[in-house]
Amino acid sequence: VLLNGGGYDNKQIFTPQVLEQFTKPEASDETYGLGWRRAGHQARKWHFGPYASPRAFGHTGWTGTVTVIDPEYDLAIVLLTNARHTPIEGSQENYEFVGKRFETGKYGSIISLIYESILNH
């Protein structure tokens, strides 16, 4: 739906103008859209990796999820992990979920591997 102007097949869920409104960059910070983060000009490599186009947008979730929608490459990536359902190390004030140390907890590296596999083939 996000790659097809708000619709899929013969169903239009929202107009292309609504999609543009929700994904356009804010004037004060190109990495923010309305409800979405934007790749901008590689300002958020940890999320989008180095290959995302400036038009790419996405979102991360607290549990360890990430989405990247890149209209330039007609690409949608959804990574679902459960990084928060792992052991916790540290104190109550300074703790870390062990799952955030896994490669899947570093979003950008996984996103980069997907882009590389597409761009190199």
N, C-alpha and C. Protein backbone atom coordinates (compact mmCIF):
# COMPACT_ATOMS: atom_id res chain seq x y z
N VAL A 1 0.83 -1.19 0.00
CA VAL A 1 0.00 0.00 0.00
C VAL A 1 0.88 1.26 0.00
N LEU A 2 1.95 1.23 0.83
CA LEU A 2 2.82 2.41 0.91
C LEU A 2 3.67 2.60 -0.34
N LEU A 3 3.88 1.56 -1.09
CA LEU A 3 4.64 1.67 -2.34
C LEU A 3 3.74 1.90 -3.55
N ASN A 4 2.44 1.78 -3.35
CA ASN A 4 1.49 1.88 -4.46
C ASN A 4 0.55 3.07 -4.33
N GLY A 5 1.02 4.16 -3.76
CA GLY A 5 0.21 5.37 -3.70
C GLY A 5 -1.04 5.27 -2.84
N GLY A 6 -1.01 4.40 -1.84
CA GLY A 6 -2.15 4.29 -0.93
C GLY A 6 -3.15 3.21 -1.28
N GLY A 7 -2.86 2.43 -2.30
CA GLY A 7 -3.80 1.38 -2.69
C GLY A 7 -3.10 0.09 -3.04
N TYR A 8 -3.91 -0.93 -3.26
CA TYR A 8 -3.39 -2.22 -3.68
C TYR A 8 -4.44 -2.89 -4.54
N ASP A 9 -3.98 -3.39 -5.69
CA ASP A 9 -4.88 -4.01 -6.66
C ASP A 9 -5.94 -2.96 -7.03
N ASN A 10 -7.21 -3.25 -6.87
CA ASN A 10 -8.23 -2.26 -7.23
C ASN A 10 -8.83 -1.57 -6.00
N LYS A 11 -8.17 -1.66 -4.87
CA LYS A 11 -8.64 -1.04 -3.63
C LYS A 11 -7.77 0.16 -3.27
N GLN A 12 -8.38 1.31 -3.12
CA GLN A 12 -7.67 2.52 -2.70
C GLN A 12 -8.02 2.76 -1.23
N ILE A 13 -7.02 2.66 -0.36
CA ILE A 13 -7.25 2.82 1.08
C ILE A 13 -7.13 4.28 1.48
N PHE A 14 -6.15 4.97 0.91
CA PHE A 14 -6.02 6.41 1.11
C PHE A 14 -5.38 6.99 -0.14
N THR A 15 -5.50 8.29 -0.30
CA THR A 15 -5.02 8.94 -1.52
C THR A 15 -3.50 9.12 -1.51
N PRO A 16 -2.90 9.27 -2.66
CA PRO A 16 -1.47 9.57 -2.71
C PRO A 16 -1.11 10.85 -1.96
N GLN A 17 -2.05 11.80 -1.92
CA GLN A 17 -1.80 13.05 -1.19
C GLN A 17 -1.67 12.81 0.31
N VAL A 18 -2.45 11.89 0.85
CA VAL A 18 -2.35 11.55 2.28
C VAL A 18 -0.99 10.91 2.54
N LEU A 19 -0.58 10.01 1.67
CA LEU A 19 0.73 9.38 1.82
C LEU A 19 1.84 10.43 1.78
N GLU A 20 1.75 11.36 0.86
CA GLU A 20 2.74 12.44 0.76
C GLU A 20 2.76 13.27 2.04
N GLN A 21 1.59 13.58 2.57
CA GLN A 21 1.51 14.38 3.79
C GLN A 21 2.17 13.67 4.97
N PHE A 22 1.99 12.37 5.08
CA PHE A 22 2.53 11.62 6.20
C PHE A 22 4.02 11.31 6.07
N THR A 23 4.54 11.34 4.86
CA THR A 23 5.95 10.96 4.68
C THR A 23 6.87 12.11 4.30
N LYS A 24 6.32 13.27 3.97
CA LYS A 24 7.20 14.38 3.57
C LYS A 24 8.05 14.82 4.76
N PRO A 25 9.28 15.24 4.49
CA PRO A 25 10.16 15.66 5.59
C PRO A 25 9.71 16.98 6.19
N GLU A 26 9.91 17.10 7.50
CA GLU A 26 9.64 18.38 8.17
C GLU A 26 10.66 19.40 7.72
N ALA A 27 10.27 20.64 7.68
CA ALA A 27 11.18 21.71 7.25
C ALA A 27 12.35 21.87 8.21
N SER A 28 12.12 21.64 9.49
CA SER A 28 13.18 21.85 10.49
C SER A 28 14.12 20.67 10.65
N ASP A 29 13.70 19.46 10.19
CA ASP A 29 14.55 18.27 10.33
C ASP A 29 14.11 17.25 9.30
N GLU A 30 14.95 17.00 8.30
CA GLU A 30 14.58 16.12 7.20
C GLU A 30 14.42 14.67 7.60
N THR A 31 14.80 14.30 8.84
CA THR A 31 14.66 12.91 9.27
C THR A 31 13.31 12.63 9.93
N TYR A 32 12.46 13.64 10.00
CA TYR A 32 11.13 13.45 10.58
C TYR A 32 10.06 13.64 9.53
N GLY A 33 9.10 12.72 9.53
CA GLY A 33 7.87 12.87 8.80
C GLY A 33 6.75 12.84 9.83
N LEU A 34 5.53 12.86 9.40
CA LEU A 34 4.40 12.80 10.31
C LEU A 34 4.11 11.33 10.63
N GLY A 35 4.66 10.85 11.72
CA GLY A 35 4.49 9.45 12.09
C GLY A 35 5.55 8.51 11.54
N TRP A 36 6.47 9.04 10.76
CA TRP A 36 7.53 8.23 10.16
C TRP A 36 8.87 8.90 10.39
N ARG A 37 9.94 8.10 10.41
CA ARG A 37 11.29 8.64 10.35
C ARG A 37 11.74 8.54 8.91
N ARG A 38 12.62 9.42 8.51
CA ARG A 38 13.10 9.46 7.13
C ARG A 38 14.60 9.26 7.08
N ALA A 39 15.06 8.62 6.03
CA ALA A 39 16.50 8.40 5.89
C ALA A 39 17.23 9.72 5.66
N GLY A 40 16.55 10.67 5.02
CA GLY A 40 17.22 11.93 4.71
C GLY A 40 18.44 11.65 3.84
N HIS A 41 19.50 12.33 4.10
CA HIS A 41 20.74 12.10 3.36
C HIS A 41 21.71 11.37 4.26
N GLN A 42 21.35 10.12 4.59
CA GLN A 42 22.13 9.20 5.42
C GLN A 42 22.32 9.70 6.84
N ALA A 43 21.37 10.48 7.33
CA ALA A 43 21.45 11.01 8.69
C ALA A 43 21.12 9.94 9.74
N ARG A 44 20.46 8.87 9.34
CA ARG A 44 20.05 7.82 10.28
C ARG A 44 20.53 6.45 9.81
N LYS A 45 21.83 6.33 9.59
CA LYS A 45 22.39 5.07 9.10
C LYS A 45 22.10 3.90 10.03
N TRP A 46 22.06 4.15 11.33
CA TRP A 46 21.80 3.05 12.27
C TRP A 46 20.45 2.39 12.00
N HIS A 47 19.52 3.12 11.41
CA HIS A 47 18.20 2.61 11.11
C HIS A 47 18.10 2.16 9.65
N PHE A 48 18.52 3.00 8.74
CA PHE A 48 18.32 2.75 7.30
C PHE A 48 19.54 2.17 6.60
N GLY A 49 20.70 2.17 7.24
CA GLY A 49 21.92 1.73 6.57
C GLY A 49 22.39 2.77 5.57
N PRO A 50 23.50 2.51 4.89
CA PRO A 50 24.07 3.51 3.97
C PRO A 50 23.48 3.51 2.56
N TYR A 51 22.63 2.55 2.24
CA TYR A 51 22.16 2.42 0.86
C TYR A 51 20.76 3.00 0.61
N ALA A 52 20.05 3.32 1.65
CA ALA A 52 18.69 3.83 1.48
C ALA A 52 18.70 5.16 0.74
N SER A 53 17.72 5.34 -0.11
CA SER A 53 17.60 6.61 -0.83
C SER A 53 17.11 7.69 0.13
N PRO A 54 17.30 8.95 -0.22
CA PRO A 54 16.79 10.04 0.64
C PRO A 54 15.27 10.01 0.80
N ARG A 55 14.57 9.31 -0.08
CA ARG A 55 13.11 9.21 -0.02
C ARG A 55 12.63 8.11 0.93
N ALA A 56 13.53 7.28 1.41
CA ALA A 56 13.14 6.15 2.27
C ALA A 56 12.55 6.66 3.59
N PHE A 57 11.56 5.94 4.07
CA PHE A 57 10.97 6.26 5.37
C PHE A 57 10.70 4.96 6.10
N GLY A 58 10.52 5.04 7.40
CA GLY A 58 10.29 3.83 8.17
C GLY A 58 10.01 4.14 9.62
N HIS A 59 10.06 3.10 10.42
CA HIS A 59 9.75 3.23 11.84
C HIS A 59 10.43 2.10 12.59
N THR A 60 10.75 2.36 13.84
CA THR A 60 11.25 1.30 14.71
C THR A 60 10.27 1.11 15.85
N GLY A 61 10.30 -0.06 16.44
CA GLY A 61 9.43 -0.34 17.57
C GLY A 61 10.25 -0.74 18.78
N TRP A 62 9.72 -0.51 19.93
CA TRP A 62 10.42 -0.76 21.18
C TRP A 62 10.80 -2.23 21.35
N THR A 63 9.99 -3.13 20.84
CA THR A 63 10.25 -4.56 21.05
C THR A 63 11.37 -5.10 20.18
N GLY A 64 11.82 -4.33 19.19
CA GLY A 64 12.89 -4.80 18.32
C GLY A 64 12.42 -4.97 16.89
N THR A 65 11.54 -4.10 16.44
CA THR A 65 11.04 -4.17 15.07
C THR A 65 11.52 -2.96 14.27
N VAL A 66 11.61 -3.13 12.98
CA VAL A 66 12.00 -2.01 12.11
C VAL A 66 11.33 -2.20 10.75
N THR A 67 10.88 -1.08 10.18
CA THR A 67 10.39 -1.08 8.81
C THR A 67 11.18 -0.05 8.02
N VAL A 68 11.40 -0.36 6.77
CA VAL A 68 12.00 0.58 5.82
C VAL A 68 11.19 0.47 4.53
N ILE A 69 10.67 1.59 4.08
CA ILE A 69 9.94 1.66 2.81
C ILE A 69 10.76 2.60 1.93
N ASP A 70 11.23 2.09 0.81
CA ASP A 70 12.07 2.90 -0.07
C ASP A 70 11.46 2.94 -1.47
N PRO A 71 10.70 4.00 -1.77
CA PRO A 71 10.06 4.11 -3.09
C PRO A 71 11.06 4.13 -4.24
N GLU A 72 12.25 4.64 -4.01
CA GLU A 72 13.28 4.71 -5.05
C GLU A 72 13.62 3.32 -5.60
N TYR A 73 13.61 2.32 -4.72
CA TYR A 73 13.94 0.94 -5.10
C TYR A 73 12.72 0.02 -5.13
N ASP A 74 11.52 0.59 -4.93
CA ASP A 74 10.30 -0.21 -4.85
C ASP A 74 10.49 -1.34 -3.84
N LEU A 75 10.96 -0.96 -2.64
CA LEU A 75 11.40 -1.93 -1.65
C LEU A 75 10.73 -1.68 -0.31
N ALA A 76 10.24 -2.75 0.30
CA ALA A 76 9.71 -2.69 1.66
C ALA A 76 10.41 -3.77 2.47
N ILE A 77 10.98 -3.37 3.60
CA ILE A 77 11.67 -4.30 4.49
C ILE A 77 10.98 -4.22 5.85
N VAL A 78 10.64 -5.38 6.39
CA VAL A 78 10.07 -5.44 7.74
C VAL A 78 10.87 -6.48 8.51
N LEU A 79 11.49 -6.05 9.58
CA LEU A 79 12.27 -6.95 10.44
C LEU A 79 11.56 -7.03 11.78
N LEU A 80 11.13 -8.24 12.14
CA LEU A 80 10.43 -8.45 13.40
C LEU A 80 11.31 -9.29 14.32
N THR A 81 11.73 -8.71 15.41
CA THR A 81 12.49 -9.45 16.42
C THR A 81 11.79 -9.27 17.76
N ASN A 82 12.25 -9.96 18.73
CA ASN A 82 11.74 -9.79 20.08
C ASN A 82 12.91 -9.54 21.01
N ALA A 83 13.70 -8.53 20.68
CA ALA A 83 14.91 -8.22 21.43
C ALA A 83 14.63 -7.93 22.90
N ARG A 84 13.44 -7.47 23.21
CA ARG A 84 13.10 -7.15 24.60
C ARG A 84 12.73 -8.39 25.41
N HIS A 85 12.59 -9.51 24.73
CA HIS A 85 12.27 -10.75 25.45
C HIS A 85 13.55 -11.58 25.59
N THR A 86 14.59 -10.92 26.09
CA THR A 86 15.87 -11.55 26.33
C THR A 86 16.33 -11.16 27.73
N PRO A 87 17.33 -11.82 28.27
CA PRO A 87 17.80 -11.45 29.60
C PRO A 87 18.23 -9.98 29.67
N ILE A 88 18.14 -9.42 30.86
CA ILE A 88 18.53 -8.03 31.11
C ILE A 88 19.79 -8.05 31.96
N GLU A 89 20.76 -7.23 31.59
CA GLU A 89 22.00 -7.11 32.36
C GLU A 89 22.15 -5.68 32.83
N GLY A 90 22.76 -5.51 34.00
CA GLY A 90 23.01 -4.18 34.54
C GLY A 90 22.13 -3.92 35.75
N SER A 91 22.10 -2.66 36.15
CA SER A 91 21.31 -2.25 37.31
C SER A 91 19.95 -1.71 36.86
N GLN A 92 19.10 -1.39 37.84
CA GLN A 92 17.79 -0.83 37.48
C GLN A 92 17.92 0.51 36.77
N GLU A 93 18.94 1.28 37.09
CA GLU A 93 19.13 2.59 36.47
C GLU A 93 19.88 2.49 35.14
N ASN A 94 20.71 1.49 34.99
CA ASN A 94 21.55 1.36 33.79
C ASN A 94 21.52 -0.09 33.32
N TYR A 95 20.53 -0.42 32.52
CA TYR A 95 20.37 -1.80 32.08
C TYR A 95 20.37 -1.90 30.56
N GLU A 96 20.53 -3.12 30.08
CA GLU A 96 20.52 -3.36 28.64
C GLU A 96 19.91 -4.74 28.39
N PHE A 97 19.06 -4.82 27.39
CA PHE A 97 18.54 -6.11 26.95
C PHE A 97 19.63 -6.79 26.13
N VAL A 98 19.94 -8.02 26.45
CA VAL A 98 20.99 -8.75 25.74
C VAL A 98 20.68 -8.82 24.24
N GLY A 99 19.41 -8.92 23.89
CA GLY A 99 19.01 -9.02 22.49
C GLY A 99 19.40 -7.83 21.64
N LYS A 100 19.64 -6.67 22.26
CA LYS A 100 20.06 -5.50 21.49
C LYS A 100 21.50 -5.63 21.02
N ARG A 101 22.24 -6.60 21.57
CA ARG A 101 23.63 -6.84 21.13
C ARG A 101 23.69 -7.80 19.94
N PHE A 102 22.61 -8.51 19.67
CA PHE A 102 22.58 -9.41 18.53
C PHE A 102 22.63 -8.58 17.24
N GLU A 103 23.04 -9.18 16.17
CA GLU A 103 23.09 -8.46 14.89
C GLU A 103 21.71 -7.91 14.51
N THR A 104 20.67 -8.66 14.81
CA THR A 104 19.32 -8.19 14.49
C THR A 104 18.92 -6.99 15.34
N GLY A 105 19.60 -6.74 16.43
CA GLY A 105 19.32 -5.59 17.27
C GLY A 105 20.01 -4.32 16.81
N LYS A 106 20.80 -4.45 15.74
CA LYS A 106 21.53 -3.29 15.20
C LYS A 106 20.92 -2.85 13.87
N TYR A 107 19.64 -2.98 13.74
CA TYR A 107 18.86 -2.66 12.55
C TYR A 107 19.64 -2.36 11.27
N GLY A 108 20.45 -1.32 11.27
CA GLY A 108 21.11 -0.86 10.04
C GLY A 108 21.94 -1.91 9.35
N SER A 109 22.60 -2.78 10.11
CA SER A 109 23.44 -3.80 9.46
C SER A 109 22.58 -4.83 8.73
N ILE A 110 21.45 -5.20 9.29
CA ILE A 110 20.55 -6.14 8.62
C ILE A 110 19.93 -5.48 7.39
N ILE A 111 19.50 -4.25 7.54
CA ILE A 111 18.93 -3.51 6.41
C ILE A 111 19.97 -3.39 5.30
N SER A 112 21.22 -3.12 5.66
CA SER A 112 22.30 -3.01 4.68
C SER A 112 22.50 -4.31 3.92
N LEU A 113 22.45 -5.44 4.61
CA LEU A 113 22.61 -6.74 3.94
C LEU A 113 21.51 -6.97 2.92
N ILE A 114 20.31 -6.56 3.24
CA ILE A 114 19.20 -6.73 2.30
C ILE A 114 19.41 -5.84 1.07
N TYR A 115 19.76 -4.58 1.29
CA TYR A 115 20.06 -3.69 0.16
C TYR A 115 21.20 -4.25 -0.68
N GLU A 116 22.27 -4.70 -0.04
CA GLU A 116 23.42 -5.24 -0.78
C GLU A 116 23.04 -6.44 -1.63
N SER A 117 22.19 -7.32 -1.09
CA SER A 117 21.80 -8.49 -1.86
C SER A 117 20.97 -8.10 -3.09
N ILE A 118 20.20 -7.04 -2.97
CA ILE A 118 19.39 -6.58 -4.11
C ILE A 118 20.24 -5.79 -5.10
N LEU A 119 21.05 -4.87 -4.59
CA LEU A 119 21.85 -4.01 -5.47
C LEU A 119 22.95 -4.75 -6.20
N ASN A 120 23.45 -5.83 -5.62
CA ASN A 120 24.55 -6.58 -6.22
C ASN A 120 24.09 -7.71 -7.12
N HIS A 121 22.77 -7.90 -7.27
CA HIS A 121 22.30 -9.00 -8.11
C HIS A 121 21.32 -8.52 -9.12
